[in-house]
Amino acid sequence: MNIIELNQRFDKLERLLLSNKIALTFEEGCEYTSLKPSYMYKLTSSKSIPHSKPNGKVIFFDREKLESWMLQNEVKTKQDIESEALSYTLKNKKA
Protein backbone atom coordinates (compact mmCIF):
# COMPACT_ATOMS: atom_id res chain seq x y z
CA MET A 1 0.00 0.00 0.00
CA ASN A 2 1.40 3.40 -0.91
CA ILE A 3 1.32 6.62 1.13
CA ILE A 4 -1.66 8.08 -0.76
CA GLU A 5 -3.78 4.99 -0.11
CA LEU A 6 -2.81 5.00 3.56
CA ASN A 7 -3.74 8.68 3.89
CA GLN A 8 -7.10 8.03 2.23
CA ARG A 9 -7.82 5.14 4.60
CA PHE A 10 -6.75 7.24 7.58
CA ASP A 11 -9.07 10.08 6.49
CA LYS A 12 -11.93 7.60 6.11
CA LEU A 13 -11.30 6.26 9.64
CA GLU A 14 -11.24 9.79 11.08
CA ARG A 15 -14.60 10.58 9.44
CA LEU A 16 -16.04 7.33 10.77
CA LEU A 17 -14.90 8.17 14.30
CA LEU A 18 -16.37 11.67 14.04
CA SER A 19 -19.75 10.25 13.07
CA ASN A 20 -19.84 8.31 16.37
CA LYS A 21 -19.13 11.28 18.66
CA ILE A 22 -22.00 13.14 20.31
CA ALA A 23 -20.25 16.45 20.99
CA LEU A 24 -17.88 17.89 18.41
CA THR A 25 -15.22 20.52 18.97
CA PHE A 26 -15.16 23.55 16.69
CA GLU A 27 -12.48 21.98 14.49
CA GLU A 28 -14.38 18.68 14.31
CA GLY A 29 -17.57 20.58 13.45
CA CYS A 30 -15.78 22.27 10.56
CA GLU A 31 -14.47 18.92 9.36
CA TYR A 32 -17.85 17.24 9.77
CA THR A 33 -19.73 19.91 7.79
CA SER A 34 -16.88 20.60 5.34
CA LEU A 35 -17.23 24.31 6.12
CA LYS A 36 -14.28 26.64 6.51
CA PRO A 37 -13.53 27.89 10.04
CA SER A 38 -14.10 31.53 9.07
CA TYR A 39 -17.61 30.70 7.83
CA MET A 40 -18.36 28.59 10.91
CA TYR A 41 -17.33 31.51 13.13
CA LYS A 42 -19.68 33.74 11.14
CA LEU A 43 -22.53 31.25 11.59
CA THR A 44 -21.93 30.88 15.33
CA SER A 45 -21.57 34.61 15.96
CA SER A 46 -24.84 35.31 14.11
CA LYS A 47 -26.49 32.42 16.00
CA SER A 48 -27.42 30.83 12.65
CA ILE A 49 -26.14 27.38 13.60
CA PRO A 50 -26.87 25.45 16.83
CA HIS A 51 -23.85 25.40 19.12
CA SER A 52 -22.83 25.51 22.79
CA LYS A 53 -20.28 27.52 24.75
CA PRO A 54 -20.18 25.84 28.17
CA ASN A 55 -17.43 28.08 29.53
CA GLY A 56 -18.31 31.09 27.41
CA LYS A 57 -15.41 30.75 25.01
CA VAL A 58 -14.88 27.28 23.53
CA ILE A 59 -17.45 26.26 20.89
CA PHE A 60 -18.98 22.79 20.72
CA PHE A 61 -21.59 21.26 18.43
CA ASP A 62 -24.15 18.54 19.09
CA ARG A 63 -23.66 16.19 16.13
CA GLU A 64 -27.38 15.41 15.75
CA LYS A 65 -28.35 19.10 15.82
CA LEU A 66 -25.60 19.82 13.31
CA GLU A 67 -26.98 17.09 11.03
CA SER A 68 -30.50 18.52 11.34
CA TRP A 69 -29.18 21.98 10.52
CA MET A 70 -27.34 20.66 7.45
CA LEU A 71 -30.47 18.88 6.20
CA GLN A 72 -32.89 21.80 6.57
CA ASN A 73 -34.49 23.41 3.51
CA GLU A 74 -34.73 20.17 1.60
CA VAL A 75 -35.22 20.61 -2.13
CA LYS A 76 -38.03 18.45 -3.45
CA THR A 77 -37.58 16.38 -6.58
CA LYS A 78 -39.65 17.07 -9.69
CA GLN A 79 -41.51 13.83 -9.04
CA ASP A 80 -42.41 14.92 -5.47
CA ILE A 81 -43.68 18.30 -6.72
CA GLU A 82 -45.72 16.72 -9.50
CA SER A 83 -47.21 14.19 -7.10
CA GLU A 84 -48.18 16.93 -4.64
CA ALA A 85 -49.69 19.01 -7.44
CA LEU A 86 -51.75 16.05 -8.66
CA SER A 87 -52.95 15.27 -5.12
CA TYR A 88 -53.89 18.92 -4.57
CA THR A 89 -55.71 19.10 -7.90
CA LEU A 90 -57.69 15.92 -7.26
CA LYS A 91 -58.52 16.98 -3.70
CA ASN A 92 -59.70 20.46 -4.72
CA LYS A 93 -61.39 19.50 -7.96
CA LYS A 94 -64.75 21.19 -8.38
CA ALA A 95 -67.54 18.92 -9.50
PDB file of N, CA and C in Angstrom:
ATOM      1  N   MET A   1       0.852  -1.177   0.000  1.00  0.00           N
ATOM      2  CA  MET A   1       0.000   0.000   0.000  1.00  0.00           C
ATOM      3  C   MET A   1       0.899   1.241   0.000  1.00  0.00           C
ATOM      4  N   ASN A   2       0.565   2.205  -0.855  1.00  0.00           N
ATOM      5  CA  ASN A   2       1.398   3.400  -0.906  1.00  0.00           C
ATOM      6  C   ASN A   2       0.891   4.464   0.074  1.00  0.00           C
ATOM      7  N   ILE A   3       1.623   5.541   0.167  1.00  0.00           N
ATOM      8  CA  ILE A   3       1.320   6.617   1.130  1.00  0.00           C
ATOM      9  C   ILE A   3      -0.048   7.241   0.851  1.00  0.00           C
ATOM     10  N   ILE A   4      -0.382   7.448  -0.404  1.00  0.00           N
ATOM     11  CA  ILE A   4      -1.657   8.077  -0.756  1.00  0.00           C
ATOM     12  C   ILE A   4      -2.816   7.194  -0.303  1.00  0.00           C
ATOM     13  N   GLU A   5      -2.728   5.910  -0.542  1.00  0.00           N
ATOM     14  CA  GLU A   5      -3.784   4.986  -0.111  1.00  0.00           C
ATOM     15  C   GLU A   5      -3.903   4.953   1.402  1.00  0.00           C
ATOM     16  N   LEU A   6      -2.789   4.979   2.091  1.00  0.00           N
ATOM     17  CA  LEU A   6      -2.808   5.000   3.562  1.00  0.00           C
ATOM     18  C   LEU A   6      -3.464   6.275   4.079  1.00  0.00           C
ATOM     19  N   ASN A   7      -3.128   7.411   3.481  1.00  0.00           N
ATOM     20  CA  ASN A   7      -3.740   8.677   3.891  1.00  0.00           C
ATOM     21  C   ASN A   7      -5.244   8.667   3.647  1.00  0.00           C
ATOM     22  N   GLN A   8      -5.670   8.106   2.526  1.00  0.00           N
ATOM     23  CA  GLN A   8      -7.101   8.034   2.232  1.00  0.00           C
ATOM     24  C   GLN A   8      -7.823   7.151   3.245  1.00  0.00           C
ATOM     25  N   ARG A   9      -7.208   6.038   3.598  1.00  0.00           N
ATOM     26  CA  ARG A   9      -7.819   5.141   4.596  1.00  0.00           C
ATOM     27  C   ARG A   9      -7.851   5.802   5.963  1.00  0.00           C
ATOM     28  N   PHE A  10      -6.801   6.526   6.310  1.00  0.00           N
ATOM     29  CA  PHE A  10      -6.748   7.242   7.579  1.00  0.00           C
ATOM     30  C   PHE A  10      -7.837   8.313   7.635  1.00  0.00           C
ATOM     31  N   ASP A  11      -8.018   9.060   6.553  1.00  0.00           N
ATOM     32  CA  ASP A  11      -9.067  10.079   6.491  1.00  0.00           C
ATOM     33  C   ASP A  11     -10.449   9.451   6.650  1.00  0.00           C
ATOM     34  N   LYS A  12     -10.641   8.304   6.012  1.00  0.00           N
ATOM     35  CA  LYS A  12     -11.925   7.600   6.113  1.00  0.00           C
ATOM     36  C   LYS A  12     -12.190   7.159   7.557  1.00  0.00           C
ATOM     37  N   LEU A  13     -11.156   6.666   8.234  1.00  0.00           N
ATOM     38  CA  LEU A  13     -11.300   6.260   9.637  1.00  0.00           C
ATOM     39  C   LEU A  13     -11.618   7.450  10.533  1.00  0.00           C
ATOM     40  N   GLU A  14     -10.962   8.585  10.290  1.00  0.00           N
ATOM     41  CA  GLU A  14     -11.243   9.791  11.077  1.00  0.00           C
ATOM     42  C   GLU A  14     -12.695  10.206  10.915  1.00  0.00           C
ATOM     43  N   ARG A  15     -13.209  10.203   9.683  1.00  0.00           N
ATOM     44  CA  ARG A  15     -14.600  10.575   9.437  1.00  0.00           C
ATOM     45  C   ARG A  15     -15.559   9.607  10.123  1.00  0.00           C
ATOM     46  N   LEU A  16     -15.211   8.340  10.112  1.00  0.00           N
ATOM     47  CA  LEU A  16     -16.038   7.333  10.771  1.00  0.00           C
ATOM     48  C   LEU A  16     -16.079   7.562  12.283  1.00  0.00           C
ATOM     49  N   LEU A  17     -14.946   7.879  12.871  1.00  0.00           N
ATOM     50  CA  LEU A  17     -14.899   8.169  14.304  1.00  0.00           C
ATOM     51  C   LEU A  17     -15.704   9.417  14.649  1.00  0.00           C
ATOM     52  N   LEU A  18     -15.619  10.449  13.800  1.00  0.00           N
ATOM     53  CA  LEU A  18     -16.375  11.675  14.040  1.00  0.00           C
ATOM     54  C   LEU A  18     -17.874  11.406  14.039  1.00  0.00           C
ATOM     55  N   SER A  19     -18.312  10.510  13.163  1.00  0.00           N
ATOM     56  CA  SER A  19     -19.747  10.249  13.068  1.00  0.00           C
ATOM     57  C   SER A  19     -20.284   9.524  14.302  1.00  0.00           C
ATOM     58  N   ASN A  20     -19.407   9.001  15.151  1.00  0.00           N
ATOM     59  CA  ASN A  20     -19.842   8.310  16.366  1.00  0.00           C
ATOM     60  C   ASN A  20     -19.805   9.198  17.608  1.00  0.00           C
ATOM     61  N   LYS A  21     -19.194  10.369  17.509  1.00  0.00           N
ATOM     62  CA  LYS A  21     -19.133  11.277  18.657  1.00  0.00           C
ATOM     63  C   LYS A  21     -20.444  12.026  18.811  1.00  0.00           C
ATOM     64  N   ILE A  22     -20.784  12.364  20.041  1.00  0.00           N
ATOM     65  CA  ILE A  22     -21.996  13.138  20.310  1.00  0.00           C
ATOM     66  C   ILE A  22     -21.689  14.629  20.266  1.00  0.00           C
ATOM     67  N   ALA A  23     -20.643  15.043  20.955  1.00  0.00           N
ATOM     68  CA  ALA A  23     -20.246  16.450  20.992  1.00  0.00           C
ATOM     69  C   ALA A  23     -18.977  16.626  20.166  1.00  0.00           C
ATOM     70  N   LEU A  24     -19.021  17.612  19.279  1.00  0.00           N
ATOM     71  CA  LEU A  24     -17.880  17.890  18.414  1.00  0.00           C
ATOM     72  C   LEU A  24     -17.236  19.217  18.796  1.00  0.00           C
ATOM     73  N   THR A  25     -15.923  19.257  18.758  1.00  0.00           N
ATOM     74  CA  THR A  25     -15.222  20.524  18.966  1.00  0.00           C
ATOM     75  C   THR A  25     -15.449  21.396  17.743  1.00  0.00           C
ATOM     76  N   PHE A  26     -15.016  22.644  17.826  1.00  0.00           N
ATOM     77  CA  PHE A  26     -15.164  23.554  16.691  1.00  0.00           C
ATOM     78  C   PHE A  26     -14.471  22.990  15.456  1.00  0.00           C
ATOM     79  N   GLU A  27     -13.246  22.523  15.620  1.00  0.00           N
ATOM     80  CA  GLU A  27     -12.477  21.985  14.491  1.00  0.00           C
ATOM     81  C   GLU A  27     -13.165  20.745  13.907  1.00  0.00           C
ATOM     82  N   GLU A  28     -13.677  19.875  14.777  1.00  0.00           N
ATOM     83  CA  GLU A  28     -14.380  18.682  14.310  1.00  0.00           C
ATOM     84  C   GLU A  28     -15.674  19.060  13.592  1.00  0.00           C
ATOM     85  N   GLY A  29     -16.353  20.093  14.102  1.00  0.00           N
ATOM     86  CA  GLY A  29     -17.573  20.579  13.451  1.00  0.00           C
ATOM     87  C   GLY A  29     -17.294  21.086  12.046  1.00  0.00           C
ATOM     88  N   CYS A  30     -16.178  21.788  11.888  1.00  0.00           N
ATOM     89  CA  CYS A  30     -15.778  22.271  10.559  1.00  0.00           C
ATOM     90  C   CYS A  30     -15.500  21.095   9.635  1.00  0.00           C
ATOM     91  N   GLU A  31     -14.792  20.111  10.153  1.00  0.00           N
ATOM     92  CA  GLU A  31     -14.465  18.918   9.363  1.00  0.00           C
ATOM     93  C   GLU A  31     -15.733  18.158   9.002  1.00  0.00           C
ATOM     94  N   TYR A  32     -16.625  18.009   9.968  1.00  0.00           N
ATOM     95  CA  TYR A  32     -17.854  17.240   9.773  1.00  0.00           C
ATOM     96  C   TYR A  32     -18.757  17.871   8.724  1.00  0.00           C
ATOM     97  N   THR A  33     -18.855  19.204   8.723  1.00  0.00           N
ATOM     98  CA  THR A  33     -19.730  19.905   7.786  1.00  0.00           C
ATOM     99  C   THR A  33     -19.023  20.297   6.501  1.00  0.00           C
ATOM    100  N   SER A  34     -17.707  20.169   6.479  1.00  0.00           N
ATOM    101  CA  SER A  34     -16.878  20.603   5.339  1.00  0.00           C
ATOM    102  C   SER A  34     -16.954  22.115   5.120  1.00  0.00           C
ATOM    103  N   LEU A  35     -17.213  22.851   6.202  1.00  0.00           N
ATOM    104  CA  LEU A  35     -17.231  24.308   6.120  1.00  0.00           C
ATOM    105  C   LEU A  35     -15.920  24.879   6.637  1.00  0.00           C
ATOM    106  N   LYS A  36     -15.515  25.992   6.079  1.00  0.00           N
ATOM    107  CA  LYS A  36     -14.278  26.638   6.509  1.00  0.00           C
ATOM    108  C   LYS A  36     -14.473  27.273   7.881  1.00  0.00           C
ATOM    109  N   PRO A  37     -13.416  27.303   8.696  1.00  0.00           N
ATOM    110  CA  PRO A  37     -13.531  27.887  10.041  1.00  0.00           C
ATOM    111  C   PRO A  37     -14.056  29.325  10.043  1.00  0.00           C
ATOM    112  N   SER A  38     -13.639  30.133   9.098  1.00  0.00           N
ATOM    113  CA  SER A  38     -14.103  31.528   9.074  1.00  0.00           C
ATOM    114  C   SER A  38     -15.621  31.592   8.886  1.00  0.00           C
ATOM    115  N   TYR A  39     -16.167  30.718   8.049  1.00  0.00           N
ATOM    116  CA  TYR A  39     -17.613  30.701   7.830  1.00  0.00           C
ATOM    117  C   TYR A  39     -18.338  30.141   9.053  1.00  0.00           C
ATOM    118  N   MET A  40     -17.744  29.138   9.692  1.00  0.00           N
ATOM    119  CA  MET A  40     -18.356  28.587  10.911  1.00  0.00           C
ATOM    120  C   MET A  40     -18.399  29.635  12.018  1.00  0.00           C
ATOM    121  N   TYR A  41     -17.326  30.431  12.135  1.00  0.00           N
ATOM    122  CA  TYR A  41     -17.332  31.512  13.130  1.00  0.00           C
ATOM    123  C   TYR A  41     -18.435  32.513  12.819  1.00  0.00           C
ATOM    124  N   LYS A  42     -18.622  32.807  11.543  1.00  0.00           N
ATOM    125  CA  LYS A  42     -19.677  33.737  11.142  1.00  0.00           C
ATOM    126  C   LYS A  42     -21.043  33.174  11.516  1.00  0.00           C
ATOM    127  N   LEU A  43     -21.257  31.889  11.261  1.00  0.00           N
ATOM    128  CA  LEU A  43     -22.532  31.254  11.591  1.00  0.00           C
ATOM    129  C   LEU A  43     -22.778  31.215  13.093  1.00  0.00           C
ATOM    130  N   THR A  44     -21.738  30.934  13.883  1.00  0.00           N
ATOM    131  CA  THR A  44     -21.930  30.880  15.333  1.00  0.00           C
ATOM    132  C   THR A  44     -22.142  32.282  15.912  1.00  0.00           C
ATOM    133  N   SER A  45     -21.414  33.257  15.400  1.00  0.00           N
ATOM    134  CA  SER A  45     -21.570  34.613  15.955  1.00  0.00           C
ATOM    135  C   SER A  45     -22.931  35.205  15.618  1.00  0.00           C
ATOM    136  N   SER A  46     -23.506  34.812  14.478  1.00  0.00           N
ATOM    137  CA  SER A  46     -24.836  35.310  14.112  1.00  0.00           C
ATOM    138  C   SER A  46     -25.950  34.407  14.648  1.00  0.00           C
ATOM    139  N   LYS A  47     -25.550  33.378  15.412  1.00  0.00           N
ATOM    140  CA  LYS A  47     -26.491  32.416  15.998  1.00  0.00           C
ATOM    141  C   LYS A  47     -27.343  31.747  14.924  1.00  0.00           C
ATOM    142  N   SER A  48     -26.730  31.466  13.763  1.00  0.00           N
ATOM    143  CA  SER A  48     -27.416  30.829  12.654  1.00  0.00           C
ATOM    144  C   SER A  48     -27.260  29.310  12.664  1.00  0.00           C
ATOM    145  N   ILE A  49     -26.391  28.815  13.521  1.00  0.00           N
ATOM    146  CA  ILE A  49     -26.136  27.378  13.601  1.00  0.00           C
ATOM    147  C   ILE A  49     -26.171  26.978  15.075  1.00  0.00           C
ATOM    148  N   PRO A  50     -26.800  25.843  15.417  1.00  0.00           N
ATOM    149  CA  PRO A  50     -26.868  25.448  16.829  1.00  0.00           C
ATOM    150  C   PRO A  50     -25.486  25.075  17.373  1.00  0.00           C
ATOM    151  N   HIS A  51     -25.143  25.680  18.491  1.00  0.00           N
ATOM    152  CA  HIS A  51     -23.851  25.404  19.118  1.00  0.00           C
ATOM    153  C   HIS A  51     -23.935  25.689  20.613  1.00  0.00           C
ATOM    154  N   SER A  52     -22.898  25.283  21.338  1.00  0.00           N
ATOM    155  CA  SER A  52     -22.830  25.506  22.788  1.00  0.00           C
ATOM    156  C   SER A  52     -21.490  26.128  23.133  1.00  0.00           C
ATOM    157  N   LYS A  53     -21.504  26.932  24.198  1.00  0.00           N
ATOM    158  CA  LYS A  53     -20.283  27.516  24.751  1.00  0.00           C
ATOM    159  C   LYS A  53     -20.342  27.329  26.261  1.00  0.00           C
ATOM    160  N   PRO A  54     -20.014  26.124  26.735  1.00  0.00           N
ATOM    161  CA  PRO A  54     -20.181  25.837  28.166  1.00  0.00           C
ATOM    162  C   PRO A  54     -19.381  26.747  29.089  1.00  0.00           C
ATOM    163  N   ASN A  55     -18.217  27.181  28.672  1.00  0.00           N
ATOM    164  CA  ASN A  55     -17.430  28.075  29.526  1.00  0.00           C
ATOM    165  C   ASN A  55     -17.390  29.487  28.967  1.00  0.00           C
ATOM    166  N   GLY A  56     -18.228  29.753  27.966  1.00  0.00           N
ATOM    167  CA  GLY A  56     -18.314  31.089  27.413  1.00  0.00           C
ATOM    168  C   GLY A  56     -17.312  31.384  26.315  1.00  0.00           C
ATOM    169  N   LYS A  57     -16.417  30.474  26.025  1.00  0.00           N
ATOM    170  CA  LYS A  57     -15.412  30.753  25.015  1.00  0.00           C
ATOM    171  C   LYS A  57     -15.283  29.631  23.982  1.00  0.00           C
ATOM    172  N   VAL A  58     -15.089  28.404  24.430  1.00  0.00           N
ATOM    173  CA  VAL A  58     -14.876  27.280  23.529  1.00  0.00           C
ATOM    174  C   VAL A  58     -16.208  26.844  22.921  1.00  0.00           C
ATOM    175  N   ILE A  59     -16.235  26.612  21.611  1.00  0.00           N
ATOM    176  CA  ILE A  59     -17.453  26.264  20.886  1.00  0.00           C
ATOM    177  C   ILE A  59     -17.526  24.755  20.676  1.00  0.00           C
ATOM    178  N   PHE A  60     -18.713  24.203  20.956  1.00  0.00           N
ATOM    179  CA  PHE A  60     -18.979  22.795  20.718  1.00  0.00           C
ATOM    180  C   PHE A  60     -20.264  22.660  19.917  1.00  0.00           C
ATOM    181  N   PHE A  61     -20.398  21.547  19.196  1.00  0.00           N
ATOM    182  CA  PHE A  61     -21.593  21.260  18.427  1.00  0.00           C
ATOM    183  C   PHE A  61     -22.144  19.903  18.823  1.00  0.00           C
ATOM    184  N   ASP A  62     -23.465  19.819  18.914  1.00  0.00           N
ATOM    185  CA  ASP A  62     -24.149  18.543  19.091  1.00  0.00           C
ATOM    186  C   ASP A  62     -24.262  17.948  17.685  1.00  0.00           C
ATOM    187  N   ARG A  63     -23.710  16.773  17.469  1.00  0.00           N
ATOM    188  CA  ARG A  63     -23.660  16.188  16.132  1.00  0.00           C
ATOM    189  C   ARG A  63     -25.050  16.044  15.517  1.00  0.00           C
ATOM    190  N   GLU A  64     -26.026  15.598  16.287  1.00  0.00           N
ATOM    191  CA  GLU A  64     -27.377  15.410  15.752  1.00  0.00           C
ATOM    192  C   GLU A  64     -28.012  16.739  15.352  1.00  0.00           C
ATOM    193  N   LYS A  65     -27.800  17.782  16.164  1.00  0.00           N
ATOM    194  CA  LYS A  65     -28.347  19.101  15.818  1.00  0.00           C
ATOM    195  C   LYS A  65     -27.644  19.658  14.583  1.00  0.00           C
ATOM    196  N   LEU A  66     -26.365  19.384  14.472  1.00  0.00           N
ATOM    197  CA  LEU A  66     -25.599  19.821  13.307  1.00  0.00           C
ATOM    198  C   LEU A  66     -26.126  19.122  12.050  1.00  0.00           C
ATOM    199  N   GLU A  67     -26.414  17.827  12.165  1.00  0.00           N
ATOM    200  CA  GLU A  67     -26.985  17.086  11.032  1.00  0.00           C
ATOM    201  C   GLU A  67     -28.343  17.660  10.641  1.00  0.00           C
ATOM    202  N   SER A  68     -29.183  17.943  11.625  1.00  0.00           N
ATOM    203  CA  SER A  68     -30.500  18.518  11.337  1.00  0.00           C
ATOM    204  C   SER A  68     -30.357  19.868  10.651  1.00  0.00           C
ATOM    205  N   TRP A  69     -29.416  20.673  11.129  1.00  0.00           N
ATOM    206  CA  TRP A  69     -29.184  21.980  10.525  1.00  0.00           C
ATOM    207  C   TRP A  69     -28.736  21.826   9.072  1.00  0.00           C
ATOM    208  N   MET A  70     -27.845  20.860   8.808  1.00  0.00           N
ATOM    209  CA  MET A  70     -27.342  20.663   7.448  1.00  0.00           C
ATOM    210  C   MET A  70     -28.440  20.168   6.505  1.00  0.00           C
ATOM    211  N   LEU A  71     -29.432  19.456   7.038  1.00  0.00           N
ATOM    212  CA  LEU A  71     -30.472  18.875   6.201  1.00  0.00           C
ATOM    213  C   LEU A  71     -31.733  19.729   6.121  1.00  0.00           C
ATOM    214  N   GLN A  72     -31.711  20.946   6.659  1.00  0.00           N
ATOM    215  CA  GLN A  72     -32.886  21.802   6.575  1.00  0.00           C
ATOM    216  C   GLN A  72     -33.030  22.352   5.154  1.00  0.00           C
ATOM    217  N   ASN A  73     -34.187  22.851   4.835  1.00  0.00           N
ATOM    218  CA  ASN A  73     -34.489  23.414   3.511  1.00  0.00           C
ATOM    219  C   ASN A  73     -34.279  22.401   2.391  1.00  0.00           C
ATOM    220  N   GLU A  74     -34.842  21.234   2.596  1.00  0.00           N
ATOM    221  CA  GLU A  74     -34.726  20.171   1.603  1.00  0.00           C
ATOM    222  C   GLU A  74     -35.359  20.611   0.283  1.00  0.00           C
ATOM    223  N   VAL A  75     -34.712  20.305  -0.799  1.00  0.00           N
ATOM    224  CA  VAL A  75     -35.222  20.612  -2.130  1.00  0.00           C
ATOM    225  C   VAL A  75     -35.960  19.374  -2.642  1.00  0.00           C
ATOM    226  N   LYS A  76     -37.216  19.567  -2.988  1.00  0.00           N
ATOM    227  CA  LYS A  76     -38.031  18.447  -3.454  1.00  0.00           C
ATOM    228  C   LYS A  76     -37.666  18.096  -4.895  1.00  0.00           C
ATOM    229  N   THR A  77     -37.826  16.824  -5.213  1.00  0.00           N
ATOM    230  CA  THR A  77     -37.583  16.382  -6.584  1.00  0.00           C
ATOM    231  C   THR A  77     -38.775  16.780  -7.457  1.00  0.00           C
ATOM    232  N   LYS A  78     -38.563  16.768  -8.758  1.00  0.00           N
ATOM    233  CA  LYS A  78     -39.652  17.070  -9.690  1.00  0.00           C
ATOM    234  C   LYS A  78     -40.809  16.102  -9.473  1.00  0.00           C
ATOM    235  N   GLN A  79     -40.478  14.845  -9.241  1.00  0.00           N
ATOM    236  CA  GLN A  79     -41.507  13.831  -9.037  1.00  0.00           C
ATOM    237  C   GLN A  79     -42.340  14.136  -7.788  1.00  0.00           C
ATOM    238  N   ASP A  80     -41.685  14.564  -6.703  1.00  0.00           N
ATOM    239  CA  ASP A  80     -42.410  14.925  -5.474  1.00  0.00           C
ATOM    240  C   ASP A  80     -43.352  16.101  -5.727  1.00  0.00           C
ATOM    241  N   ILE A  81     -42.870  17.103  -6.432  1.00  0.00           N
ATOM    242  CA  ILE A  81     -43.676  18.297  -6.716  1.00  0.00           C
ATOM    243  C   ILE A  81     -44.869  17.937  -7.590  1.00  0.00           C
ATOM    244  N   GLU A  82     -44.627  17.131  -8.621  1.00  0.00           N
ATOM    245  CA  GLU A  82     -45.723  16.722  -9.503  1.00  0.00           C
ATOM    246  C   GLU A  82     -46.758  15.882  -8.758  1.00  0.00           C
ATOM    247  N   SER A  83     -46.294  15.021  -7.882  1.00  0.00           N
ATOM    248  CA  SER A  83     -47.206  14.187  -7.095  1.00  0.00           C
ATOM    249  C   SER A  83     -48.058  15.049  -6.161  1.00  0.00           C
ATOM    250  N   GLU A  84     -47.437  16.037  -5.517  1.00  0.00           N
ATOM    251  CA  GLU A  84     -48.180  16.933  -4.635  1.00  0.00           C
ATOM    252  C   GLU A  84     -49.188  17.760  -5.427  1.00  0.00           C
ATOM    253  N   ALA A  85     -48.790  18.217  -6.608  1.00  0.00           N
ATOM    254  CA  ALA A  85     -49.689  19.007  -7.445  1.00  0.00           C
ATOM    255  C   ALA A  85     -50.890  18.180  -7.872  1.00  0.00           C
ATOM    256  N   LEU A  86     -50.655  16.930  -8.261  1.00  0.00           N
ATOM    257  CA  LEU A  86     -51.747  16.050  -8.663  1.00  0.00           C
ATOM    258  C   LEU A  86     -52.690  15.792  -7.486  1.00  0.00           C
ATOM    259  N   SER A  87     -52.119  15.512  -6.321  1.00  0.00           N
ATOM    260  CA  SER A  87     -52.947  15.270  -5.117  1.00  0.00           C
ATOM    261  C   SER A  87     -53.790  16.494  -4.791  1.00  0.00           C
ATOM    262  N   TYR A  88     -53.172  17.669  -4.868  1.00  0.00           N
ATOM    263  CA  TYR A  88     -53.887  18.921  -4.573  1.00  0.00           C
ATOM    264  C   TYR A  88     -55.015  19.136  -5.570  1.00  0.00           C
ATOM    265  N   THR A  89     -54.707  18.893  -6.847  1.00  0.00           N
ATOM    266  CA  THR A  89     -55.707  19.103  -7.897  1.00  0.00           C
ATOM    267  C   THR A  89     -56.886  18.161  -7.711  1.00  0.00           C
ATOM    268  N   LEU A  90     -56.595  16.890  -7.448  1.00  0.00           N
ATOM    269  CA  LEU A  90     -57.686  15.925  -7.265  1.00  0.00           C
ATOM    270  C   LEU A  90     -58.504  16.237  -6.011  1.00  0.00           C
ATOM    271  N   LYS A  91     -57.840  16.682  -4.971  1.00  0.00           N
ATOM    272  CA  LYS A  91     -58.523  16.981  -3.704  1.00  0.00           C
ATOM    273  C   LYS A  91     -59.406  18.223  -3.836  1.00  0.00           C
ATOM    274  N   ASN A  92     -58.979  19.190  -4.606  1.00  0.00           N
ATOM    275  CA  ASN A  92     -59.701  20.461  -4.721  1.00  0.00           C
ATOM    276  C   ASN A  92     -60.465  20.592  -6.029  1.00  0.00           C
ATOM    277  N   LYS A  93     -60.674  19.483  -6.702  1.00  0.00           N
ATOM    278  CA  LYS A  93     -61.391  19.496  -7.964  1.00  0.00           C
ATOM    279  C   LYS A  93     -62.846  19.838  -7.721  1.00  0.00           C
ATOM    280  N   LYS A  94     -63.345  20.796  -8.517  1.00  0.00           N
ATOM    281  CA  LYS A  94     -64.752  21.186  -8.380  1.00  0.00           C
ATOM    282  C   LYS A  94     -65.603  20.318  -9.294  1.00  0.00           C
ATOM    283  N   ALA A  95     -66.673  19.842  -8.730  1.00  0.00           N
ATOM    284  CA  ALA A  95     -67.538  18.921  -9.497  1.00  0.00           C
ATOM    285  C   ALA A  95     -68.434  19.634 -10.445  1.00  0.00           C
TER     286      ALA A  95
END
